[in-house]
Amino acid sequence: MWDDELQREGDHVVYETRYRPTLKGKLRGVDSEWIANIKWARAHCQSQVRVVILTAVDAAANPRTVRYCYPDDSLIMRITHFNSLTGELRAESV
């Protein structure tokens, strides 16, 4: 999840995608794998996911390139909306 797409709403963290496609270059194939993993989490994990935070080289670029990323072990989110065709996603912290 892109760090600049995470927002606080009250006592929850909310994530809404704004950038599609997510990645460019060699990482472009990650998009289809990511969509498959989201589908699997919805079917098998009560729509809950662990989070990897991505920071873009240029936050205004579309598509974006990842500057760095890290897992946030303290943040578990529930997917509340997902479009499997576009990859658009909304999730809220649990």
N, C-alpha and C. Protein backbone atom coordinates (compact mmCIF):
# COMPACT_ATOMS: atom_id res chain seq x y z
N MET A 1 0.85 -1.17 0.00
CA MET A 1 0.00 0.00 0.00
C MET A 1 0.90 1.23 0.00
N TRP A 2 0.58 2.19 -0.88
CA TRP A 2 1.36 3.42 -0.96
C TRP A 2 1.19 4.23 0.32
N ASP A 3 2.30 4.71 0.86
CA ASP A 3 2.26 5.44 2.12
C ASP A 3 1.39 6.70 2.06
N ASP A 4 1.35 7.37 0.92
CA ASP A 4 0.55 8.60 0.83
C ASP A 4 -0.94 8.33 0.59
N GLU A 5 -1.33 7.07 0.45
CA GLU A 5 -2.75 6.72 0.30
C GLU A 5 -3.36 6.24 1.61
N LEU A 6 -2.54 6.13 2.65
CA LEU A 6 -3.02 5.78 3.99
C LEU A 6 -3.43 7.07 4.70
N GLN A 7 -4.63 7.05 5.29
CA GLN A 7 -5.12 8.22 6.01
C GLN A 7 -5.75 7.79 7.32
N ARG A 8 -5.75 8.67 8.27
CA ARG A 8 -6.40 8.39 9.55
C ARG A 8 -7.80 8.97 9.52
N GLU A 9 -8.78 8.14 9.89
CA GLU A 9 -10.18 8.57 10.04
C GLU A 9 -10.61 8.15 11.43
N GLY A 10 -10.63 9.10 12.35
CA GLY A 10 -10.95 8.78 13.74
C GLY A 10 -9.87 7.88 14.31
N ASP A 11 -10.27 6.73 14.84
CA ASP A 11 -9.29 5.81 15.43
C ASP A 11 -8.90 4.70 14.45
N HIS A 12 -9.22 4.85 13.17
CA HIS A 12 -8.88 3.85 12.15
C HIS A 12 -7.92 4.43 11.11
N VAL A 13 -7.14 3.54 10.53
CA VAL A 13 -6.34 3.89 9.37
C VAL A 13 -7.11 3.38 8.16
N VAL A 14 -7.25 4.22 7.14
CA VAL A 14 -8.00 3.86 5.93
C VAL A 14 -7.07 3.97 4.74
N TYR A 15 -7.20 3.00 3.84
CA TYR A 15 -6.41 3.00 2.61
C TYR A 15 -7.36 2.98 1.42
N GLU A 16 -7.15 3.90 0.48
CA GLU A 16 -7.91 3.89 -0.77
C GLU A 16 -6.92 4.10 -1.91
N THR A 17 -6.96 3.20 -2.89
CA THR A 17 -6.06 3.33 -4.03
C THR A 17 -6.48 4.51 -4.89
N ARG A 18 -5.48 5.19 -5.41
CA ARG A 18 -5.71 6.28 -6.36
C ARG A 18 -4.92 6.05 -7.64
N TYR A 19 -3.91 5.21 -7.59
CA TYR A 19 -2.99 5.06 -8.72
C TYR A 19 -3.11 3.68 -9.35
N ARG A 20 -3.47 3.63 -10.61
CA ARG A 20 -3.52 2.41 -11.42
C ARG A 20 -2.87 2.71 -12.75
N PRO A 21 -2.05 1.88 -13.34
CA PRO A 21 -1.51 0.69 -12.71
C PRO A 21 -0.53 1.06 -11.60
N THR A 22 -0.31 0.15 -10.68
CA THR A 22 0.49 0.44 -9.51
C THR A 22 1.97 0.62 -9.83
N LEU A 23 2.51 -0.25 -10.66
CA LEU A 23 3.95 -0.28 -10.87
C LEU A 23 4.30 -0.24 -12.35
N LYS A 24 5.58 0.05 -12.64
CA LYS A 24 6.04 0.02 -14.02
C LYS A 24 7.35 -0.76 -14.09
N GLY A 25 7.79 -1.02 -15.31
CA GLY A 25 9.06 -1.72 -15.49
C GLY A 25 8.96 -3.19 -15.13
N LYS A 26 10.03 -3.72 -14.57
CA LYS A 26 10.10 -5.15 -14.23
C LYS A 26 9.07 -5.56 -13.20
N LEU A 27 8.61 -4.62 -12.38
CA LEU A 27 7.66 -4.95 -11.32
C LEU A 27 6.21 -4.98 -11.80
N ARG A 28 5.96 -4.66 -13.05
CA ARG A 28 4.59 -4.59 -13.59
C ARG A 28 3.82 -5.89 -13.35
N GLY A 29 4.47 -7.05 -13.47
CA GLY A 29 3.79 -8.33 -13.25
C GLY A 29 3.31 -8.52 -11.83
N VAL A 30 3.83 -7.72 -10.91
CA VAL A 30 3.40 -7.81 -9.51
C VAL A 30 1.93 -7.45 -9.38
N ASP A 31 1.42 -6.55 -10.23
CA ASP A 31 0.02 -6.14 -10.16
C ASP A 31 -0.94 -7.33 -10.22
N SER A 32 -0.76 -8.23 -11.19
CA SER A 32 -1.68 -9.37 -11.32
C SER A 32 -1.52 -10.32 -10.14
N GLU A 33 -0.32 -10.48 -9.64
CA GLU A 33 -0.11 -11.32 -8.46
C GLU A 33 -0.78 -10.70 -7.24
N TRP A 34 -0.67 -9.37 -7.12
CA TRP A 34 -1.29 -8.65 -6.01
C TRP A 34 -2.81 -8.83 -6.04
N ILE A 35 -3.41 -8.71 -7.21
CA ILE A 35 -4.86 -8.89 -7.34
C ILE A 35 -5.25 -10.30 -6.95
N ALA A 36 -4.49 -11.30 -7.38
CA ALA A 36 -4.78 -12.69 -7.01
C ALA A 36 -4.68 -12.89 -5.50
N ASN A 37 -3.70 -12.26 -4.87
CA ASN A 37 -3.55 -12.38 -3.41
C ASN A 37 -4.69 -11.72 -2.66
N ILE A 38 -5.17 -10.58 -3.16
CA ILE A 38 -6.31 -9.91 -2.53
C ILE A 38 -7.56 -10.79 -2.65
N LYS A 39 -7.78 -11.38 -3.81
CA LYS A 39 -8.92 -12.29 -3.99
C LYS A 39 -8.83 -13.45 -2.99
N TRP A 40 -7.63 -14.00 -2.83
CA TRP A 40 -7.44 -15.14 -1.93
C TRP A 40 -7.73 -14.72 -0.48
N ALA A 41 -7.23 -13.55 -0.07
CA ALA A 41 -7.47 -13.06 1.29
C ALA A 41 -8.95 -12.84 1.55
N ARG A 42 -9.65 -12.35 0.56
CA ARG A 42 -11.10 -12.14 0.73
C ARG A 42 -11.81 -13.48 0.91
N ALA A 43 -11.39 -14.49 0.17
CA ALA A 43 -12.05 -15.80 0.23
C ALA A 43 -11.64 -16.62 1.45
N HIS A 44 -10.43 -16.44 1.96
CA HIS A 44 -9.90 -17.34 3.00
C HIS A 44 -9.54 -16.68 4.32
N CYS A 45 -9.47 -15.36 4.39
CA CYS A 45 -9.00 -14.68 5.60
C CYS A 45 -9.96 -13.61 6.09
N GLN A 46 -11.23 -13.77 5.81
CA GLN A 46 -12.23 -12.79 6.23
C GLN A 46 -11.86 -11.38 5.77
N SER A 47 -11.25 -11.29 4.58
CA SER A 47 -10.84 -10.02 3.96
C SER A 47 -9.77 -9.27 4.74
N GLN A 48 -9.07 -9.95 5.65
CA GLN A 48 -8.01 -9.30 6.41
C GLN A 48 -6.66 -9.53 5.75
N VAL A 49 -5.83 -8.47 5.75
CA VAL A 49 -4.50 -8.54 5.15
C VAL A 49 -3.48 -7.86 6.03
N ARG A 50 -2.25 -8.35 5.96
CA ARG A 50 -1.11 -7.65 6.55
C ARG A 50 -0.61 -6.67 5.50
N VAL A 51 0.08 -5.64 5.95
CA VAL A 51 0.40 -4.52 5.08
C VAL A 51 1.90 -4.38 4.82
N VAL A 52 2.23 -4.12 3.55
CA VAL A 52 3.57 -3.70 3.17
C VAL A 52 3.42 -2.27 2.67
N ILE A 53 4.18 -1.36 3.26
CA ILE A 53 4.12 0.06 2.92
C ILE A 53 5.12 0.34 1.80
N LEU A 54 4.65 1.02 0.73
CA LEU A 54 5.50 1.40 -0.39
C LEU A 54 5.66 2.92 -0.41
N THR A 55 6.87 3.37 -0.70
CA THR A 55 7.14 4.79 -0.91
C THR A 55 7.60 4.95 -2.35
N ALA A 56 7.00 5.90 -3.06
CA ALA A 56 7.31 6.11 -4.47
C ALA A 56 8.54 7.00 -4.65
N VAL A 57 9.26 6.76 -5.74
CA VAL A 57 10.35 7.64 -6.13
C VAL A 57 9.78 9.04 -6.37
N ASP A 58 8.67 9.09 -7.12
CA ASP A 58 7.98 10.34 -7.42
C ASP A 58 6.50 10.12 -7.14
N ALA A 59 6.00 10.73 -6.09
CA ALA A 59 4.61 10.52 -5.69
C ALA A 59 3.61 11.02 -6.72
N ALA A 60 4.02 11.92 -7.61
CA ALA A 60 3.11 12.45 -8.62
C ALA A 60 3.10 11.61 -9.89
N ALA A 61 4.02 10.68 -10.04
CA ALA A 61 4.11 9.86 -11.25
C ALA A 61 2.98 8.83 -11.29
N ASN A 62 2.58 8.47 -12.51
CA ASN A 62 1.61 7.40 -12.70
C ASN A 62 1.89 6.77 -14.06
N PRO A 63 2.42 5.55 -14.12
CA PRO A 63 2.64 4.65 -13.00
C PRO A 63 3.84 5.06 -12.15
N ARG A 64 3.88 4.52 -10.97
CA ARG A 64 4.91 4.83 -9.99
C ARG A 64 6.02 3.79 -10.01
N THR A 65 7.17 4.21 -9.45
CA THR A 65 8.30 3.32 -9.22
C THR A 65 8.55 3.31 -7.71
N VAL A 66 8.82 2.13 -7.16
CA VAL A 66 9.03 1.99 -5.72
C VAL A 66 10.43 2.47 -5.34
N ARG A 67 10.50 3.39 -4.39
CA ARG A 67 11.78 3.83 -3.83
C ARG A 67 12.23 2.80 -2.79
N TYR A 68 11.35 2.50 -1.84
CA TYR A 68 11.60 1.46 -0.86
C TYR A 68 10.28 0.99 -0.29
N CYS A 69 10.33 -0.17 0.38
CA CYS A 69 9.13 -0.73 0.98
C CYS A 69 9.51 -1.50 2.23
N TYR A 70 8.54 -1.69 3.11
CA TYR A 70 8.77 -2.43 4.35
C TYR A 70 7.44 -2.97 4.87
N PRO A 71 7.48 -4.13 5.53
CA PRO A 71 6.24 -4.65 6.14
C PRO A 71 5.94 -3.88 7.42
N ASP A 72 4.67 -3.57 7.62
CA ASP A 72 4.24 -2.93 8.87
C ASP A 72 3.54 -4.00 9.69
N ASP A 73 4.29 -4.65 10.56
CA ASP A 73 3.76 -5.77 11.33
C ASP A 73 2.66 -5.37 12.32
N SER A 74 2.55 -4.08 12.60
CA SER A 74 1.54 -3.64 13.56
C SER A 74 0.20 -3.31 12.91
N LEU A 75 0.14 -3.34 11.58
CA LEU A 75 -1.07 -2.90 10.88
C LEU A 75 -1.72 -4.07 10.13
N ILE A 76 -2.93 -4.43 10.56
CA ILE A 76 -3.75 -5.42 9.86
C ILE A 76 -5.01 -4.69 9.40
N MET A 77 -5.36 -4.90 8.15
CA MET A 77 -6.49 -4.18 7.58
C MET A 77 -7.52 -5.15 7.00
N ARG A 78 -8.78 -4.70 6.99
CA ARG A 78 -9.87 -5.47 6.38
C ARG A 78 -10.27 -4.76 5.09
N ILE A 79 -10.32 -5.53 4.02
CA ILE A 79 -10.72 -4.99 2.73
C ILE A 79 -12.23 -4.78 2.76
N THR A 80 -12.65 -3.54 2.50
CA THR A 80 -14.08 -3.24 2.52
C THR A 80 -14.65 -3.05 1.12
N HIS A 81 -13.76 -2.81 0.14
CA HIS A 81 -14.17 -2.70 -1.26
C HIS A 81 -13.01 -3.16 -2.13
N PHE A 82 -13.31 -3.93 -3.17
CA PHE A 82 -12.26 -4.38 -4.08
C PHE A 82 -12.84 -4.60 -5.46
N ASN A 83 -12.22 -3.99 -6.48
CA ASN A 83 -12.59 -4.19 -7.87
C ASN A 83 -11.51 -5.05 -8.50
N SER A 84 -11.81 -6.31 -8.78
CA SER A 84 -10.80 -7.24 -9.28
C SER A 84 -10.37 -6.95 -10.71
N LEU A 85 -11.11 -6.13 -11.43
CA LEU A 85 -10.72 -5.77 -12.80
C LEU A 85 -9.69 -4.65 -12.81
N THR A 86 -9.87 -3.67 -11.92
CA THR A 86 -8.98 -2.51 -11.91
C THR A 86 -7.95 -2.57 -10.78
N GLY A 87 -8.21 -3.38 -9.76
CA GLY A 87 -7.34 -3.42 -8.59
C GLY A 87 -7.63 -2.34 -7.58
N GLU A 88 -8.68 -1.54 -7.82
CA GLU A 88 -9.03 -0.49 -6.87
C GLU A 88 -9.47 -1.13 -5.56
N LEU A 89 -9.03 -0.52 -4.46
CA LEU A 89 -9.18 -1.13 -3.15
C LEU A 89 -9.44 -0.08 -2.08
N ARG A 90 -10.28 -0.45 -1.13
CA ARG A 90 -10.43 0.33 0.11
C ARG A 90 -10.31 -0.66 1.27
N ALA A 91 -9.55 -0.28 2.27
CA ALA A 91 -9.36 -1.14 3.44
C ALA A 91 -9.32 -0.27 4.68
N GLU A 92 -9.73 -0.86 5.82
CA GLU A 92 -9.73 -0.17 7.10
C GLU A 92 -9.01 -1.02 8.12
N SER A 93 -8.28 -0.36 9.02
CA SER A 93 -7.55 -1.09 10.06
C SER A 93 -8.54 -1.80 10.99
N VAL A 94 -8.11 -2.93 11.52
CA VAL A 94 -8.95 -3.70 12.46
C VAL A 94 -8.38 -3.58 13.86
